[in-house]
Amino acid sequence: MPDGTGDPAMGPVEGIRSLVAAWRAKVDETQTRPVAMTTMSGLPLEPLYTGLDREGADEATTLGVPGEFPFTRGVYPSMYRTRLWTTRLFSGFGTAEETNARYRALLDAGQDGLSVAVDLPTLMGVDSDDTRALGEVGKCGVAIDTLEDFRILFDGIPLGETTTSMTINSPAAILLAMYVAVAEEQGFDRSALGGTIQNDMLKEYHAQKEYFFPPRPSMRVVADMMRFTAREMPRWHPISISGYHIREAGSTAAQELAFTLADGFAYVELGIASGMDVDDFAPRLSFFFNAHLDFFEEIAKYRAARRIWARWMRDRYAAKNRRSLLMRFHTQTAGVSLTAQQPYNNVVRTAVEALAAVLGGTQSLHTNSLDETLALPTERAAKLALRTQQILAYEHGLTNVIDPLGGSYFVESLTDTLESRAEAYFAEILEMGGDSILEGVYAGIESGWFQSEIADASYRLQKEYESGQRKQVGVNIFVDDHEEDTLEILEIGTEAEVRQQKRLAEVKASRDRAGVEAALAEVGDAARDPARNLMVPLIDAVKAHATVGELMNTMADVFGRYRERPVL
């Protein structure tokens, strides 16, 4: 077959195998780049993929069609042909007044959902007047201390008519209580509220480290929120299971996939153990993934995630409701992929990462701003990040065909490989937990296994960058020592901290102190009684203007405070 047309006497598989063998012999003779190439996660890559790489795979059961099991090709039948992904930009800085102004500007520019970023003291459950908050108030997000801050934050924004995503974990129940209280002040019933609160405590112990209570008491609070929202807030997602921070901490794509889904299965087991039917809460679990630099690996990751989730929910957890099998997820482009050197290059990185999220079938998307490696984004940079999504949505024809890479030999093979790597991790976690994912996750946290796996992966990747094996434009290749990229940087001065502390002092001085003490005592009593749901007394306490720090300390008196055991 010198002309490459194949031998008519051969069957189709034998013909392809023969063609590939002849091609490989020619390529090997002229190969100039190293043959051994891998994905960013270290998965080996062949130079060419054909149908042989999925020989024997049943397309009907592994791919199917969009909106049908196993949902590899998308969770909805028509995907973006009938409804685009939700555009969200993670926004928050300084005081509630400043952030409210940014929200209004983004909504006016066409953003169709809010995403709340709070500052580090709030994330850690610390009030703005605490000595530990000194110099951090309002720096990486908006400062939230009391219900008054939430009133200002959402002033003029009808909470019953928009959806809100809040990135908060240890104090998540408190901020959800504030959200309910402000919405009801606006005249909306809590049952009408739609949105998501991150509330993913397990990944805090794996990666982000913004924990307060030990793992098991933290999960008791999560379970209370699951039960409360199932009963009273049917449109609210009580957990956004977050692989994003696992990836930002240095994990591989395979680890992000495996550890995120393992945490998801752990929350399912938690809900079942707390007496809920799986179909009463699973439809409102959502996910949050990273969109990193390795374009095809990211797309394959999302497709594998949908397939694994659907199969495990059906086969292991006996979910009957179709919506329980649907993995709906938000995506954010990779913050750690951005560089301070040649920062305008970050616009290109973000656009390609966002493209991977769209081709992977995300339900909502956040695009990082070009200046986020240096500071919180300016309004101009944030608007450019929003326009990046809008250009993808309206100018390039990306939404006309569902799962356009479906059937790609390479993408399907990579999807299978990532699924296999994830299943291997699940087997390890099940072994640690005596056939329970939840207990295995607890064991992995307590032993430092998750942390070690992520740290090892991060070290390997950093070595690749430092050796030049992996390239980073403007950092270790195409470096321009004379380049002068000047950016306008958003600076949060000390005046924001002063204003926030002044408002907090005024709220404390004007509130009914006896009422606050009674509300805090009720929260403490509920924490001591596993039969009581903490959300009810928390809503009463925030209405009495108890602070985030006071409420966290009250619960910590019952639950204790967590100290991580160092792993070397």
Protein backbone atom coordinates (compact mmCIF):
# COMPACT_ATOMS: atom_id res chain seq x y z
CA MET A 1 0.00 0.00 0.00
CA PRO A 2 2.66 2.56 -0.99
CA ASP A 3 0.07 5.19 -1.89
CA GLY A 4 -1.40 5.08 1.62
CA THR A 5 -4.87 4.08 0.50
CA GLY A 6 -4.86 0.79 2.44
CA ASP A 7 -5.32 -2.80 1.41
CA PRO A 8 -8.88 -3.62 0.27
CA ALA A 9 -8.41 -7.17 1.56
CA MET A 10 -7.99 -5.91 5.12
CA GLY A 11 -10.85 -5.12 7.49
CA PRO A 12 -11.32 -1.51 8.63
CA VAL A 13 -9.45 -1.97 11.94
CA GLU A 14 -6.56 -3.82 10.33
CA GLY A 15 -6.43 -1.18 7.61
CA ILE A 16 -6.15 1.66 10.13
CA ARG A 17 -3.53 -0.25 12.11
CA SER A 18 -1.47 -0.77 8.98
CA LEU A 19 -1.76 2.89 7.94
CA VAL A 20 -0.72 4.09 11.39
CA ALA A 21 2.24 1.72 11.53
CA ALA A 22 3.51 2.97 8.16
CA TRP A 23 3.00 6.60 9.18
CA ARG A 24 4.77 6.09 12.49
CA ALA A 25 7.81 4.63 10.77
CA LYS A 26 8.11 7.72 8.58
CA VAL A 27 7.56 10.13 11.45
CA ASP A 28 10.15 8.42 13.62
CA GLU A 29 12.72 8.91 10.87
CA THR A 30 12.16 12.67 10.70
CA GLN A 31 11.20 13.46 14.32
CA THR A 32 13.11 16.49 15.59
CA ARG A 33 11.26 17.33 18.83
CA PRO A 34 11.35 14.98 21.83
CA VAL A 35 8.91 12.11 21.31
CA ALA A 36 7.97 11.76 24.99
CA MET A 37 5.38 14.47 25.63
CA THR A 38 2.83 14.72 28.40
CA THR A 39 -0.15 16.77 29.46
CA MET A 40 0.33 19.32 32.22
CA SER A 41 -0.70 16.56 34.65
CA GLY A 42 2.00 14.26 33.35
CA LEU A 43 -0.25 11.98 31.31
CA PRO A 44 1.73 10.56 28.37
CA LEU A 45 0.63 11.73 24.92
CA GLU A 46 0.82 9.87 21.64
CA PRO A 47 1.74 11.92 18.56
CA LEU A 48 -1.45 10.80 16.80
CA TYR A 49 -4.79 9.40 17.93
CA THR A 50 -7.09 7.20 15.86
CA GLY A 51 -10.08 4.98 16.42
CA LEU A 52 -7.64 2.33 17.64
CA ASP A 53 -7.20 4.28 20.87
CA ARG A 54 -10.80 3.55 21.82
CA GLU A 55 -11.08 0.17 20.15
CA GLY A 56 -13.90 -1.78 21.75
CA ALA A 57 -15.45 1.25 23.46
CA ASP A 58 -19.24 1.42 23.23
CA GLU A 59 -20.08 4.94 22.08
CA ALA A 60 -23.72 4.60 23.11
CA THR A 61 -22.81 3.95 26.75
CA THR A 62 -19.68 6.12 27.13
CA LEU A 63 -20.76 9.14 25.08
CA GLY A 64 -24.47 8.95 24.40
CA VAL A 65 -26.16 12.24 23.53
CA PRO A 66 -26.40 15.55 25.40
CA GLY A 67 -28.90 15.54 28.22
CA GLU A 68 -28.94 11.76 28.58
CA PHE A 69 -26.95 9.33 30.73
CA PRO A 70 -23.96 9.29 31.13
CA PHE A 71 -24.03 13.04 30.28
CA THR A 72 -20.48 13.00 28.88
CA ARG A 73 -21.62 15.39 26.15
CA GLY A 74 -23.52 17.80 28.39
CA VAL A 75 -26.19 17.90 31.07
CA TYR A 76 -28.89 19.54 28.94
CA PRO A 77 -30.23 18.38 25.56
CA SER A 78 -29.74 21.69 23.75
CA MET A 79 -26.95 23.25 25.89
CA TYR A 80 -25.97 26.75 24.63
CA ARG A 81 -28.26 26.65 21.60
CA THR A 82 -31.12 27.70 23.86
CA ARG A 83 -29.38 29.13 26.94
CA LEU A 84 -25.88 30.55 27.32
CA TRP A 85 -23.73 29.96 30.35
CA THR A 86 -24.15 32.47 33.20
CA THR A 87 -21.46 35.16 33.22
CA ARG A 88 -20.08 35.89 36.67
CA LEU A 89 -17.12 37.96 37.80
CA PHE A 90 -15.80 37.37 41.30
CA SER A 91 -16.13 40.85 42.82
CA GLY A 92 -15.52 42.45 46.17
CA PHE A 93 -13.14 44.95 47.71
CA GLY A 94 -12.93 47.49 50.47
CA THR A 95 -16.24 48.31 52.06
CA ALA A 96 -19.77 47.27 51.14
CA GLU A 97 -20.43 50.67 49.51
CA GLU A 98 -17.51 50.28 47.08
CA THR A 99 -18.42 46.73 46.18
CA ASN A 100 -22.07 47.63 45.66
CA ALA A 101 -20.95 50.24 43.12
CA ARG A 102 -18.85 47.61 41.29
CA TYR A 103 -21.82 45.19 41.22
CA ARG A 104 -24.02 47.84 39.66
CA ALA A 105 -21.38 48.64 37.03
CA LEU A 106 -20.99 44.96 36.10
CA LEU A 107 -24.75 44.42 35.91
CA ASP A 108 -25.04 47.49 33.68
CA ALA A 109 -22.28 46.02 31.46
CA GLY A 110 -24.28 42.82 30.92
CA GLN A 111 -23.24 40.49 33.73
CA ASP A 112 -26.21 38.33 34.66
CA GLY A 113 -25.26 36.94 38.06
CA LEU A 114 -23.41 38.20 41.13
CA SER A 115 -20.35 36.53 42.64
CA VAL A 116 -19.38 37.76 46.10
CA ALA A 117 -15.73 37.85 47.18
CA VAL A 118 -15.14 38.60 50.86
CA ASP A 119 -11.91 39.67 52.51
CA LEU A 120 -9.53 37.42 54.44
CA PRO A 121 -10.77 38.31 57.94
CA THR A 122 -14.32 37.41 56.91
CA LEU A 123 -13.13 34.17 55.29
CA MET A 124 -11.37 33.28 58.55
CA GLY A 125 -14.36 34.20 60.73
CA VAL A 126 -12.64 37.25 62.24
CA ASP A 127 -14.21 40.70 62.74
CA SER A 128 -12.64 43.82 61.26
CA ASP A 129 -11.78 45.20 64.72
CA ASP A 130 -9.89 42.04 65.72
CA THR A 131 -6.13 42.55 66.04
CA ARG A 132 -5.65 39.59 63.65
CA ALA A 133 -7.44 41.55 60.93
CA LEU A 134 -5.01 44.46 61.04
CA GLY A 135 -3.94 45.44 57.53
CA GLU A 136 -6.19 42.88 55.82
CA VAL A 137 -9.62 44.51 56.00
CA GLY A 138 -11.09 44.88 52.52
CA LYS A 139 -7.85 43.90 50.79
CA CYS A 140 -8.85 40.74 48.89
CA GLY A 141 -12.60 41.16 49.03
CA VAL A 142 -15.38 43.03 50.78
CA ALA A 143 -15.41 43.20 54.58
CA ILE A 144 -18.52 41.69 56.19
CA ASP A 145 -19.05 41.96 59.95
CA THR A 146 -22.78 42.43 60.55
CA LEU A 147 -26.12 42.46 58.80
CA GLU A 148 -25.68 46.19 58.17
CA ASP A 149 -22.83 45.39 55.75
CA PHE A 150 -25.07 43.01 53.82
CA ARG A 151 -27.82 45.62 53.59
CA ILE A 152 -25.39 48.06 52.00
CA LEU A 153 -23.75 45.40 49.81
CA PHE A 154 -27.07 44.58 48.10
CA ASP A 155 -28.66 48.00 48.25
CA GLY A 156 -30.76 48.51 45.11
CA ILE A 157 -30.20 44.93 43.95
CA PRO A 158 -33.41 42.86 44.28
CA LEU A 159 -32.22 39.51 45.61
CA GLY A 160 -35.35 37.70 44.52
CA GLU A 161 -34.67 38.66 40.89
CA THR A 162 -30.99 37.75 40.54
CA THR A 163 -28.81 34.78 41.43
CA THR A 164 -25.85 35.18 43.73
CA SER A 165 -22.79 33.03 44.30
CA MET A 166 -20.97 33.55 47.60
CA THR A 167 -17.44 32.25 48.07
CA ILE A 168 -17.35 31.58 51.79
CA ASN A 169 -16.76 28.39 53.75
CA SER A 170 -16.21 28.31 57.52
CA PRO A 171 -18.66 31.19 58.18
CA ALA A 172 -20.93 30.14 55.29
CA ALA A 173 -23.97 29.49 57.50
CA ILE A 174 -23.69 33.01 58.95
CA LEU A 175 -23.52 34.71 55.55
CA LEU A 176 -26.41 32.61 54.27
CA ALA A 177 -28.40 33.74 57.31
CA MET A 178 -27.57 37.38 56.46
CA TYR A 179 -28.62 36.85 52.84
CA VAL A 180 -31.98 35.44 53.93
CA ALA A 181 -32.50 38.30 56.38
CA VAL A 182 -31.73 41.04 53.81
CA ALA A 183 -33.87 39.39 51.12
CA GLU A 184 -36.81 39.21 53.52
CA GLU A 185 -36.30 42.89 54.38
CA GLN A 186 -36.54 43.58 50.63
CA GLY A 187 -39.87 41.74 50.59
CA PHE A 188 -38.81 38.41 49.10
CA ASP A 189 -39.69 35.05 50.59
CA ARG A 190 -36.66 32.85 51.21
CA SER A 191 -38.21 30.18 48.98
CA ALA A 192 -37.78 32.53 46.00
CA LEU A 193 -34.03 33.01 46.45
CA GLY A 194 -31.70 31.46 43.89
CA GLY A 195 -27.97 31.10 44.10
CA THR A 196 -25.04 29.15 45.46
CA ILE A 197 -22.89 29.30 48.56
CA GLN A 198 -19.54 27.55 48.38
CA ASN A 199 -19.66 25.94 51.84
CA ASP A 200 -17.16 23.26 50.78
CA MET A 201 -15.36 22.59 54.02
CA LEU A 202 -13.54 19.45 52.90
CA LYS A 203 -11.43 21.27 50.33
CA GLU A 204 -10.39 23.75 53.01
CA TYR A 205 -8.50 20.97 54.76
CA HIS A 206 -7.07 19.73 51.44
CA ALA A 207 -5.92 23.02 50.00
CA GLN A 208 -7.24 26.46 50.94
CA LYS A 209 -6.74 26.26 54.73
CA GLU A 210 -9.46 28.74 55.72
CA TYR A 211 -10.88 26.40 58.35
CA PHE A 212 -12.11 27.22 61.85
CA PHE A 213 -13.67 24.12 63.42
CA PRO A 214 -12.38 20.52 63.14
CA PRO A 215 -13.62 18.53 60.13
CA ARG A 216 -16.47 16.59 61.73
CA PRO A 217 -18.15 19.57 63.49
CA SER A 218 -17.71 21.58 60.29
CA MET A 219 -19.58 18.88 58.42
CA ARG A 220 -22.38 19.00 60.99
CA VAL A 221 -22.90 22.68 60.02
CA VAL A 222 -22.85 21.72 56.34
CA ALA A 223 -25.49 19.06 56.95
CA ASP A 224 -27.70 21.59 58.76
CA MET A 225 -27.46 23.92 55.75
CA MET A 226 -28.33 21.07 53.39
CA ARG A 227 -31.45 20.21 55.39
CA PHE A 228 -32.49 23.85 55.81
CA THR A 229 -32.21 24.75 52.12
CA ALA A 230 -33.93 21.52 51.04
CA ARG A 231 -36.86 22.44 53.23
CA GLU A 232 -37.05 26.22 52.88
CA MET A 233 -34.91 27.35 49.90
CA PRO A 234 -35.59 24.94 47.04
CA ARG A 235 -33.79 27.14 44.46
CA TRP A 236 -30.62 27.46 46.51
CA HIS A 237 -27.47 25.34 46.07
CA PRO A 238 -26.11 24.73 49.60
CA ILE A 239 -22.67 23.49 48.50
CA SER A 240 -20.44 24.31 45.56
CA ILE A 241 -17.96 21.46 45.63
CA SER A 242 -14.76 23.17 44.68
CA GLY A 243 -11.88 21.71 42.75
CA TYR A 244 -10.74 25.20 41.85
CA HIS A 245 -8.74 25.75 45.03
CA ILE A 246 -7.33 22.23 44.92
CA ARG A 247 -5.93 23.02 41.48
CA GLU A 248 -4.69 26.46 42.52
CA ALA A 249 -2.79 24.75 45.36
CA GLY A 250 -0.83 22.79 42.76
CA SER A 251 -2.74 19.60 42.01
CA THR A 252 -2.84 17.93 38.63
CA ALA A 253 -6.02 17.87 36.55
CA ALA A 254 -6.48 14.20 37.49
CA GLN A 255 -6.16 15.04 41.19
CA GLU A 256 -8.55 17.98 40.86
CA LEU A 257 -11.04 15.66 39.19
CA ALA A 258 -10.64 12.85 41.72
CA PHE A 259 -10.47 14.85 44.93
CA THR A 260 -13.37 17.12 43.96
CA LEU A 261 -15.64 14.23 43.10
CA ALA A 262 -14.55 12.32 46.20
CA ASP A 263 -15.59 15.34 48.28
CA GLY A 264 -18.88 15.39 46.38
CA PHE A 265 -19.53 11.73 47.19
CA ALA A 266 -18.60 12.46 50.81
CA TYR A 267 -21.31 15.16 50.97
CA VAL A 268 -23.77 12.69 49.48
CA GLU A 269 -22.93 10.17 52.20
CA LEU A 270 -23.19 12.95 54.80
CA GLY A 271 -26.68 13.86 53.61
CA ILE A 272 -27.82 10.25 53.62
CA ALA A 273 -26.33 9.68 57.08
CA SER A 274 -28.19 12.74 58.39
CA GLY A 275 -31.50 11.16 57.41
CA MET A 276 -32.16 12.75 54.02
CA ASP A 277 -33.17 10.89 50.89
CA VAL A 278 -30.47 11.33 48.27
CA ASP A 279 -32.93 12.79 45.78
CA ASP A 280 -34.02 15.45 48.29
CA PHE A 281 -30.64 17.21 48.18
CA ALA A 282 -28.45 15.86 45.37
CA PRO A 283 -30.16 17.92 42.63
CA ARG A 284 -28.95 21.09 44.38
CA LEU A 285 -25.30 20.10 44.73
CA SER A 286 -23.13 22.01 42.30
CA PHE A 287 -19.45 22.00 41.39
CA PHE A 288 -16.69 24.54 40.77
CA PHE A 289 -13.74 23.67 38.53
CA ASN A 290 -10.56 25.33 37.36
CA ALA A 291 -9.87 26.09 33.70
CA HIS A 292 -6.11 25.76 33.41
CA LEU A 293 -3.57 26.05 30.61
CA ASP A 294 -3.65 22.57 29.07
CA PHE A 295 -6.55 23.11 26.67
CA PHE A 296 -7.53 19.55 25.75
CA GLU A 297 -6.85 18.10 29.19
CA GLU A 298 -9.24 20.61 30.74
CA ILE A 299 -12.01 19.78 28.26
CA ALA A 300 -11.53 16.06 28.89
CA LYS A 301 -11.62 16.68 32.66
CA TYR A 302 -15.08 18.24 32.54
CA ARG A 303 -16.43 15.45 30.32
CA ALA A 304 -15.01 12.74 32.57
CA ALA A 305 -16.43 14.48 35.65
CA ARG A 306 -19.99 14.39 34.30
CA ARG A 307 -19.71 10.73 33.38
CA ILE A 308 -18.26 9.64 36.73
CA TRP A 309 -20.78 11.61 38.77
CA ALA A 310 -23.76 10.22 36.88
CA ARG A 311 -22.57 6.65 37.14
CA TRP A 312 -21.71 6.76 40.85
CA MET A 313 -24.93 8.56 41.77
CA ARG A 314 -26.99 5.98 39.94
CA ASP A 315 -25.07 2.81 40.78
CA ARG A 316 -23.57 3.44 44.24
CA TYR A 317 -25.99 5.92 45.82
CA ALA A 318 -29.20 4.67 44.13
CA ALA A 319 -30.38 8.11 43.02
CA LYS A 320 -33.66 7.89 41.14
CA ASN A 321 -34.25 11.53 40.25
CA ARG A 322 -32.62 12.33 36.92
CA ARG A 323 -31.51 15.71 38.25
CA SER A 324 -29.46 13.96 40.93
CA LEU A 325 -27.26 12.56 38.17
CA LEU A 326 -26.55 15.94 36.57
CA MET A 327 -23.22 17.54 37.38
CA ARG A 328 -23.79 21.27 36.96
CA PHE A 329 -20.62 23.28 37.40
CA HIS A 330 -19.16 26.76 37.46
CA THR A 331 -15.69 27.37 36.03
CA GLN A 332 -13.07 30.00 36.76
CA THR A 333 -9.97 30.53 34.70
CA ALA A 334 -6.71 29.71 36.47
CA GLY A 335 -5.39 32.46 38.69
CA VAL A 336 -2.04 30.71 39.08
CA SER A 337 -1.53 30.72 35.31
CA LEU A 338 -1.35 34.52 35.26
CA THR A 339 2.03 36.21 35.36
CA ALA A 340 3.23 39.55 36.68
CA GLN A 341 5.72 39.64 33.81
CA GLN A 342 4.18 40.91 30.55
CA PRO A 343 0.71 41.05 32.15
CA TYR A 344 -1.13 41.75 28.89
CA ASN A 345 -0.31 38.16 27.92
CA ASN A 346 -2.83 37.20 30.61
CA VAL A 347 -5.70 38.32 28.36
CA VAL A 348 -4.76 35.58 25.89
CA ARG A 349 -4.28 32.94 28.58
CA THR A 350 -7.67 33.73 30.08
CA ALA A 351 -9.45 33.68 26.72
CA VAL A 352 -8.09 30.24 25.82
CA GLU A 353 -8.89 28.86 29.28
CA ALA A 354 -12.42 30.25 29.00
CA LEU A 355 -12.74 28.63 25.58
CA ALA A 356 -11.87 25.26 27.15
CA ALA A 357 -14.58 25.77 29.78
CA VAL A 358 -17.15 26.56 27.10
CA LEU A 359 -16.18 23.61 24.89
CA GLY A 360 -16.28 21.48 28.04
CA GLY A 361 -19.88 22.47 28.75
CA THR A 362 -19.74 24.72 31.81
CA GLN A 363 -22.97 26.20 33.23
CA SER A 364 -21.40 29.45 34.43
CA LEU A 365 -18.03 31.10 33.96
CA HIS A 366 -15.73 33.57 35.64
CA THR A 367 -12.88 35.06 33.62
CA ASN A 368 -9.94 36.41 35.59
CA SER A 369 -8.71 39.92 34.88
CA LEU A 370 -5.26 40.58 33.45
CA ASP A 371 -4.11 42.41 36.60
CA GLU A 372 -5.21 39.85 39.22
CA THR A 373 -1.69 38.56 39.75
CA LEU A 374 -0.80 42.05 41.01
CA ALA A 375 -3.93 43.24 42.83
CA LEU A 376 -7.70 43.11 42.82
CA PRO A 377 -8.96 43.97 39.34
CA THR A 378 -9.71 47.52 38.34
CA GLU A 379 -13.15 48.21 36.89
CA ARG A 380 -11.57 48.55 33.43
CA ALA A 381 -9.79 45.19 33.69
CA ALA A 382 -12.91 43.49 35.05
CA LYS A 383 -14.97 44.81 32.15
CA LEU A 384 -12.40 43.46 29.67
CA ALA A 385 -12.66 40.05 31.37
CA LEU A 386 -16.43 40.21 30.99
CA ARG A 387 -16.12 41.23 27.34
CA THR A 388 -13.91 38.17 26.79
CA GLN A 389 -16.84 35.93 27.70
CA GLN A 390 -19.27 37.96 25.62
CA ILE A 391 -17.02 37.73 22.54
CA LEU A 392 -16.82 33.95 22.98
CA ALA A 393 -20.59 33.79 23.34
CA TYR A 394 -21.61 35.98 20.42
CA GLU A 395 -18.85 36.26 17.83
CA HIS A 396 -17.21 32.89 17.18
CA GLY A 397 -20.06 30.46 16.56
CA LEU A 398 -19.12 28.39 19.62
CA THR A 399 -22.71 27.96 20.76
CA ASN A 400 -24.13 26.65 17.49
CA VAL A 401 -23.10 23.00 17.93
CA ILE A 402 -23.30 20.95 21.13
CA ASP A 403 -20.05 19.29 22.28
CA PRO A 404 -18.22 19.98 19.01
CA LEU A 405 -15.15 18.00 20.13
CA GLY A 406 -17.20 14.93 20.96
CA GLY A 407 -15.91 11.96 18.99
CA SER A 408 -12.41 13.39 18.68
CA TYR A 409 -10.08 10.43 18.99
CA PHE A 410 -7.74 12.46 21.19
CA VAL A 411 -10.38 14.06 23.42
CA GLU A 412 -12.26 10.80 23.96
CA SER A 413 -9.06 8.89 24.75
CA LEU A 414 -7.94 11.60 27.18
CA THR A 415 -11.38 11.59 28.80
CA ASP A 416 -11.08 7.84 29.34
CA THR A 417 -7.57 8.19 30.79
CA LEU A 418 -8.58 10.89 33.27
CA GLU A 419 -11.58 8.82 34.32
CA SER A 420 -9.30 5.84 34.94
CA ARG A 421 -6.88 7.94 37.02
CA ALA A 422 -9.77 9.28 39.10
CA GLU A 423 -11.15 5.80 39.72
CA ALA A 424 -7.73 4.70 40.99
CA TYR A 425 -7.79 7.54 43.52
CA PHE A 426 -11.34 6.59 44.59
CA ALA A 427 -10.13 3.06 45.28
CA GLU A 428 -7.42 4.43 47.61
CA ILE A 429 -9.90 6.65 49.44
CA LEU A 430 -12.38 3.79 49.84
CA GLU A 431 -9.63 1.61 51.28
CA MET A 432 -8.70 4.32 53.81
CA GLY A 433 -12.35 4.65 54.81
CA GLY A 434 -13.40 1.00 55.03
CA ASP A 435 -15.58 1.27 51.90
CA SER A 436 -16.89 4.72 52.87
CA ILE A 437 -15.82 7.73 50.82
CA LEU A 438 -16.78 10.06 53.68
CA GLU A 439 -14.66 8.20 56.23
CA GLY A 440 -11.87 7.88 53.66
CA VAL A 441 -11.85 11.64 53.15
CA TYR A 442 -11.72 12.19 56.91
CA ALA A 443 -8.83 9.73 57.15
CA GLY A 444 -7.02 11.38 54.25
CA ILE A 445 -7.32 14.79 55.91
CA GLU A 446 -6.22 13.55 59.32
CA SER A 447 -3.19 11.71 57.92
CA GLY A 448 -2.19 14.53 55.57
CA TRP A 449 -2.58 12.29 52.50
CA PHE A 450 -4.46 14.85 50.40
CA GLN A 451 -2.04 17.61 51.31
CA SER A 452 0.97 15.44 50.46
CA GLU A 453 -0.43 14.38 47.09
CA ILE A 454 -1.06 18.00 46.10
CA ALA A 455 2.29 19.23 47.42
CA ASP A 456 4.19 16.55 45.48
CA ALA A 457 2.38 17.46 42.25
CA SER A 458 3.04 21.16 42.78
CA TYR A 459 6.74 20.49 43.37
CA ARG A 460 7.03 18.44 40.17
CA LEU A 461 5.38 21.18 38.09
CA GLN A 462 7.55 23.91 39.58
CA LYS A 463 10.66 21.90 38.77
CA GLU A 464 9.50 21.66 35.15
CA TYR A 465 9.16 25.44 34.94
CA GLU A 466 12.49 26.09 36.61
CA SER A 467 14.33 23.64 34.35
CA GLY A 468 12.72 25.12 31.25
CA GLN A 469 11.10 21.80 30.37
CA ARG A 470 7.73 23.56 30.56
CA LYS A 471 7.54 26.99 28.95
CA GLN A 472 5.98 30.18 30.28
CA VAL A 473 6.02 33.09 27.86
CA GLY A 474 7.57 36.18 29.38
CA VAL A 475 8.95 34.22 32.34
CA ASN A 476 11.34 31.53 31.08
CA ILE A 477 11.01 32.09 27.32
CA PHE A 478 10.66 35.25 25.22
CA VAL A 479 11.71 37.34 28.19
CA ASP A 480 11.93 41.07 27.49
CA ASP A 481 14.07 42.82 30.10
CA HIS A 482 13.28 46.21 28.62
CA GLU A 483 9.51 45.82 28.41
CA GLU A 484 7.54 48.47 30.24
CA ASP A 485 4.01 47.21 30.86
CA THR A 486 2.46 49.81 33.11
CA LEU A 487 -0.89 48.93 34.59
CA GLU A 488 -3.33 50.92 36.63
CA ILE A 489 -3.56 49.00 39.90
CA LEU A 490 -6.49 49.02 42.30
CA GLU A 491 -5.08 49.96 45.69
CA ILE A 492 -7.10 49.44 48.86
CA GLY A 493 -5.80 51.95 51.36
CA THR A 494 -6.08 52.02 55.13
CA GLU A 495 -9.06 54.34 54.87
CA ALA A 496 -11.32 51.37 53.97
CA GLU A 497 -10.26 49.61 57.16
CA VAL A 498 -10.91 52.75 59.20
CA ARG A 499 -14.39 53.20 57.69
CA GLN A 500 -15.26 49.55 58.26
CA GLN A 501 -14.13 49.59 61.88
CA LYS A 502 -16.08 52.79 62.48
CA ARG A 503 -19.30 51.26 61.11
CA LEU A 504 -18.76 48.13 63.21
CA ALA A 505 -18.29 50.25 66.33
CA GLU A 506 -21.49 52.17 65.57
CA VAL A 507 -23.48 48.95 65.09
CA LYS A 508 -22.16 47.53 68.36
CA ALA A 509 -22.99 50.73 70.22
CA SER A 510 -26.56 50.96 68.89
CA ARG A 511 -27.68 47.32 69.14
CA ASP A 512 -29.58 45.73 72.01
CA ARG A 513 -26.74 44.05 73.89
CA ALA A 514 -29.05 41.84 75.97
CA GLY A 515 -30.78 40.69 72.79
CA VAL A 516 -27.41 39.86 71.23
CA GLU A 517 -26.32 37.85 74.28
CA ALA A 518 -29.58 35.91 74.24
CA ALA A 519 -29.24 35.19 70.51
CA LEU A 520 -25.63 34.00 70.96
CA ALA A 521 -26.66 31.74 73.83
CA GLU A 522 -29.34 30.20 71.60
CA VAL A 523 -26.74 29.50 68.90
CA GLY A 524 -24.52 27.83 71.51
CA ASP A 525 -27.42 25.67 72.73
CA ALA A 526 -28.22 24.62 69.15
CA ALA A 527 -24.57 23.73 68.53
CA ARG A 528 -24.64 21.43 71.56
CA ASP A 529 -27.82 19.69 70.37
CA PRO A 530 -27.33 17.70 67.13
CA ALA A 531 -31.11 17.42 66.78
CA ARG A 532 -31.43 21.19 66.28
CA ASN A 533 -30.73 22.99 63.02
CA LEU A 534 -28.25 25.82 63.46
CA MET A 535 -29.65 27.91 60.61
CA VAL A 536 -32.75 28.93 62.59
CA PRO A 537 -30.95 30.55 65.57
CA LEU A 538 -28.27 31.97 63.22
CA ILE A 539 -30.89 33.92 61.26
CA ASP A 540 -32.28 35.30 64.54
CA ALA A 541 -28.76 36.18 65.72
CA VAL A 542 -27.76 38.11 62.59
CA LYS A 543 -31.04 40.02 62.79
CA ALA A 544 -29.97 41.03 66.32
CA HIS A 545 -26.69 42.27 64.76
CA ALA A 546 -24.42 39.61 66.24
CA THR A 547 -21.11 39.79 64.37
CA VAL A 548 -19.43 37.11 62.29
CA GLY A 549 -16.63 36.83 64.85
CA GLU A 550 -18.99 36.57 67.81
CA LEU A 551 -20.99 33.81 66.16
CA MET A 552 -17.90 31.84 65.09
CA ASN A 553 -16.43 32.05 68.58
CA THR A 554 -19.72 30.95 70.13
CA MET A 555 -19.79 27.83 67.96
CA ALA A 556 -16.06 27.21 68.51
CA ASP A 557 -16.69 27.07 72.26
CA VAL A 558 -18.74 23.96 71.50
CA PHE A 559 -16.99 22.53 68.42
CA GLY A 560 -13.38 23.44 69.19
CA ARG A 561 -10.78 25.00 66.88
CA TYR A 562 -8.81 23.07 64.29
CA ARG A 563 -5.03 22.91 64.17
CA GLU A 564 -3.55 21.08 61.20
CA ARG A 565 -0.92 18.43 61.89
CA PRO A 566 2.18 19.28 59.82
CA VAL A 567 3.17 16.69 57.24
CA LEU A 568 6.79 16.54 56.13
